[in-house]
């Protein structure tokens, strides 16, 4: 089982990339009468991402194997820097995201839940999974949340990183720019 990552590693993270289905959501899809797809996002996960970006100076990205247009609105609301959809090669995709955002993989975290996330999880400094991730993923990652996907797993990761960077809960005063590096 995953151990608590060292504080120095947590402080070094400058980019968090998230799988969507089964990580940012609980993995369920809802369909309307006209066949349109819907997903549910936890507002506490979203607030955690905003705090991580605002107080921790961490860049954010979403990486999904499904069409990105289903999540683009939510990602805009959260000021997510990069959204990549229809990705079948997540290892290559995370390399490209990190390069595009100017952050080395040694300062990148990735949270995913299924075997298609393993190539990306194996490339980053901090590999993470929700507690209800596939067993093959849980056995390989560095950190596993206590909460399930779509119900606070992402928020827990945000709190872990913020605690190492600026303390948790974050200070009440206006955030100051976080030194990068």
Protein backbone atom coordinates (compact mmCIF):
# COMPACT_ATOMS: atom_id res chain seq x y z
CA UNK A 1 0.00 0.00 0.00
CA UNK A 2 1.13 3.55 -0.66
CA UNK A 3 3.11 5.48 1.91
CA UNK A 4 2.94 9.16 2.80
CA UNK A 5 5.19 10.98 0.31
CA UNK A 6 8.16 12.95 1.69
CA UNK A 7 7.46 16.62 2.39
CA UNK A 8 10.26 17.70 0.03
CA UNK A 9 8.59 15.83 -2.83
CA UNK A 10 5.20 17.38 -2.05
CA UNK A 11 6.72 20.87 -1.92
CA UNK A 12 8.41 20.33 -5.30
CA UNK A 13 5.20 19.60 -7.23
CA UNK A 14 4.39 22.37 -9.74
CA UNK A 15 1.92 20.53 -11.99
CA UNK A 16 -1.00 18.25 -11.16
CA UNK A 17 -2.52 16.26 -14.01
CA UNK A 18 -5.79 14.44 -13.40
CA UNK A 19 -7.58 11.65 -15.18
CA UNK A 20 -11.26 12.55 -15.44
CA UNK A 21 -13.56 9.49 -15.42
CA UNK A 22 -12.99 7.60 -12.19
CA UNK A 23 -10.80 10.32 -10.67
CA UNK A 24 -12.45 13.75 -11.00
CA UNK A 25 -15.78 11.93 -11.35
CA UNK A 26 -17.02 8.72 -9.76
CA UNK A 27 -16.81 7.08 -13.17
CA UNK A 28 -20.54 6.98 -13.86
CA UNK A 29 -22.06 8.44 -17.01
CA UNK A 30 -25.61 9.75 -17.22
CA UNK A 31 -27.51 10.03 -20.50
CA UNK A 32 -30.40 12.35 -21.35
CA UNK A 33 -33.37 11.57 -23.57
CA UNK A 34 -31.54 12.88 -26.62
CA UNK A 35 -28.48 10.72 -25.92
CA UNK A 36 -26.40 13.56 -24.47
CA UNK A 37 -23.89 12.50 -21.82
CA UNK A 38 -23.60 14.06 -18.37
CA UNK A 39 -20.98 13.75 -15.63
CA UNK A 40 -21.10 14.80 -11.99
CA UNK A 41 -18.19 16.67 -10.38
CA UNK A 42 -17.67 17.13 -6.63
CA UNK A 43 -17.61 20.84 -5.75
CA UNK A 44 -15.14 20.21 -2.91
CA UNK A 45 -12.69 18.66 -5.36
CA UNK A 46 -13.09 21.76 -7.52
CA UNK A 47 -12.56 24.12 -4.61
CA UNK A 48 -9.44 22.19 -3.63
CA UNK A 49 -8.06 22.61 -7.15
CA UNK A 50 -8.75 26.35 -7.06
CA UNK A 51 -6.97 26.66 -3.71
CA UNK A 52 -4.02 24.59 -4.95
CA UNK A 53 -3.65 26.84 -7.97
CA UNK A 54 -4.21 30.09 -6.07
CA UNK A 55 -2.18 29.46 -2.91
CA UNK A 56 0.18 26.71 -4.04
CA UNK A 57 1.01 28.12 -7.45
CA UNK A 58 0.42 24.69 -8.99
CA UNK A 59 -0.54 24.38 -12.66
CA UNK A 60 -3.43 22.05 -13.46
CA UNK A 61 -4.26 19.76 -16.37
CA UNK A 62 -6.91 17.17 -17.20
CA UNK A 63 -6.21 14.09 -19.31
CA UNK A 64 -9.04 11.85 -20.48
CA UNK A 65 -9.51 8.97 -22.85
CA UNK A 66 -12.97 10.32 -23.70
CA UNK A 67 -13.94 13.41 -25.67
CA UNK A 68 -12.73 16.59 -24.00
CA UNK A 69 -15.82 18.62 -24.91
CA UNK A 70 -17.76 16.82 -22.17
CA UNK A 71 -15.50 18.32 -19.51
CA UNK A 72 -14.29 21.59 -21.01
CA UNK A 73 -16.86 23.76 -19.23
CA UNK A 74 -15.92 22.40 -15.80
CA UNK A 75 -12.22 22.75 -16.59
CA UNK A 76 -12.73 26.41 -17.59
CA UNK A 77 -14.57 27.05 -14.31
CA UNK A 78 -11.58 25.64 -12.42
CA UNK A 79 -8.97 27.53 -14.48
CA UNK A 80 -7.37 24.26 -15.55
CA UNK A 81 -4.43 25.18 -17.76
CA UNK A 82 -4.63 22.30 -20.23
CA UNK A 83 -7.27 19.74 -21.23
CA UNK A 84 -6.37 16.76 -23.42
CA UNK A 85 -9.13 14.44 -24.61
CA UNK A 86 -9.43 11.24 -26.63
CA UNK A 87 -6.00 10.20 -25.38
CA UNK A 88 -5.13 6.55 -25.89
CA UNK A 89 -1.43 7.01 -25.08
CA UNK A 90 -1.43 8.71 -21.69
CA UNK A 91 2.31 8.26 -21.16
CA UNK A 92 3.10 10.33 -24.25
CA UNK A 93 0.29 12.77 -23.46
CA UNK A 94 1.62 13.58 -19.99
CA UNK A 95 5.09 14.19 -21.42
CA UNK A 96 3.58 16.67 -23.89
CA UNK A 97 1.44 18.40 -21.25
CA UNK A 98 4.44 18.88 -18.94
CA UNK A 99 6.59 20.17 -21.81
CA UNK A 100 3.86 22.56 -23.00
CA UNK A 101 3.43 23.97 -19.48
CA UNK A 102 7.18 24.17 -18.85
CA UNK A 103 7.25 21.80 -15.89
CA UNK A 104 9.57 18.77 -15.71
CA UNK A 105 8.01 15.38 -14.97
CA UNK A 106 10.14 15.33 -11.79
CA UNK A 107 7.87 18.13 -10.50
CA UNK A 108 4.62 16.62 -11.74
CA UNK A 109 1.89 14.63 -9.98
CA UNK A 110 -0.69 12.47 -11.75
CA UNK A 111 -3.84 10.93 -10.29
CA UNK A 112 -5.52 8.11 -12.18
CA UNK A 113 -7.70 5.12 -11.44
CA UNK A 114 -7.34 2.45 -14.12
CA UNK A 115 -4.79 0.45 -16.08
CA UNK A 116 -4.84 2.92 -18.99
CA UNK A 117 -3.38 5.47 -16.54
CA UNK A 118 -0.35 3.33 -15.67
CA UNK A 119 1.94 4.70 -18.43
CA UNK A 120 1.37 8.26 -17.15
CA UNK A 121 1.62 7.23 -13.49
CA UNK A 122 5.00 5.61 -14.15
CA UNK A 123 6.48 8.82 -15.62
CA UNK A 124 5.79 11.33 -12.84
CA UNK A 125 7.41 12.10 -9.49
CA UNK A 126 4.17 11.70 -7.51
CA UNK A 127 1.80 8.98 -8.71
CA UNK A 128 -1.60 8.99 -6.99
CA UNK A 129 -4.88 7.09 -7.08
CA UNK A 130 -8.32 7.30 -5.48
CA UNK A 131 -8.94 4.57 -2.93
CA UNK A 132 -11.35 2.77 -5.27
CA UNK A 133 -8.88 2.60 -8.18
CA UNK A 134 -8.13 -0.68 -9.93
CA UNK A 135 -5.93 -2.98 -7.80
CA UNK A 136 -3.19 -2.89 -10.45
CA UNK A 137 -3.03 0.89 -10.03
CA UNK A 138 -3.20 0.92 -6.23
CA UNK A 139 -0.27 -1.51 -6.05
CA UNK A 140 1.95 0.76 -8.19
CA UNK A 141 1.27 4.31 -7.04
CA UNK A 142 3.14 6.26 -4.41
CA UNK A 143 0.02 7.64 -2.66
CA UNK A 144 -3.62 6.46 -2.35
CA UNK A 145 -6.39 8.71 -1.06
CA UNK A 146 -8.69 7.66 1.76
CA UNK A 147 -11.67 8.96 -0.23
CA UNK A 148 -13.17 7.49 -3.40
CA UNK A 149 -13.12 9.02 -6.86
CA UNK A 150 -15.58 11.83 -7.42
CA UNK A 151 -16.14 12.13 -3.68
CA UNK A 152 -13.14 13.99 -2.32
CA UNK A 153 -10.11 12.04 -3.57
CA UNK A 154 -8.85 15.03 -5.56
CA UNK A 155 -9.56 17.40 -2.65
CA UNK A 156 -7.50 15.17 -0.37
CA UNK A 157 -4.56 15.37 -2.80
CA UNK A 158 -4.91 19.17 -2.94
CA UNK A 159 -4.90 19.40 0.87
CA UNK A 160 -1.83 17.14 1.07
CA UNK A 161 0.09 19.36 -1.35
CA UNK A 162 -1.09 22.62 0.22
CA UNK A 163 -0.17 21.40 3.72
CA UNK A 164 3.41 20.88 2.53
CA UNK A 165 3.58 24.12 0.54
CA UNK A 166 1.76 26.77 2.62
CA UNK A 167 -0.03 24.96 5.44
CA UNK A 168 -3.59 23.70 5.72
CA UNK A 169 -5.98 25.39 5.83
CA UNK A 170 -4.43 28.07 3.62
CA UNK A 171 -3.86 31.51 5.12
CA UNK A 172 -6.71 34.02 5.03
CA UNK A 173 -4.70 36.85 3.49
CA UNK A 174 -4.36 37.31 -0.25
CA UNK A 175 -2.05 34.71 -1.75
CA UNK A 176 1.46 35.74 -2.66
CA UNK A 177 3.20 34.36 -5.73
CA UNK A 178 4.78 31.01 -4.94
CA UNK A 179 8.44 30.68 -5.98
CA UNK A 180 8.77 28.12 -8.76
CA UNK A 181 11.50 25.55 -8.68
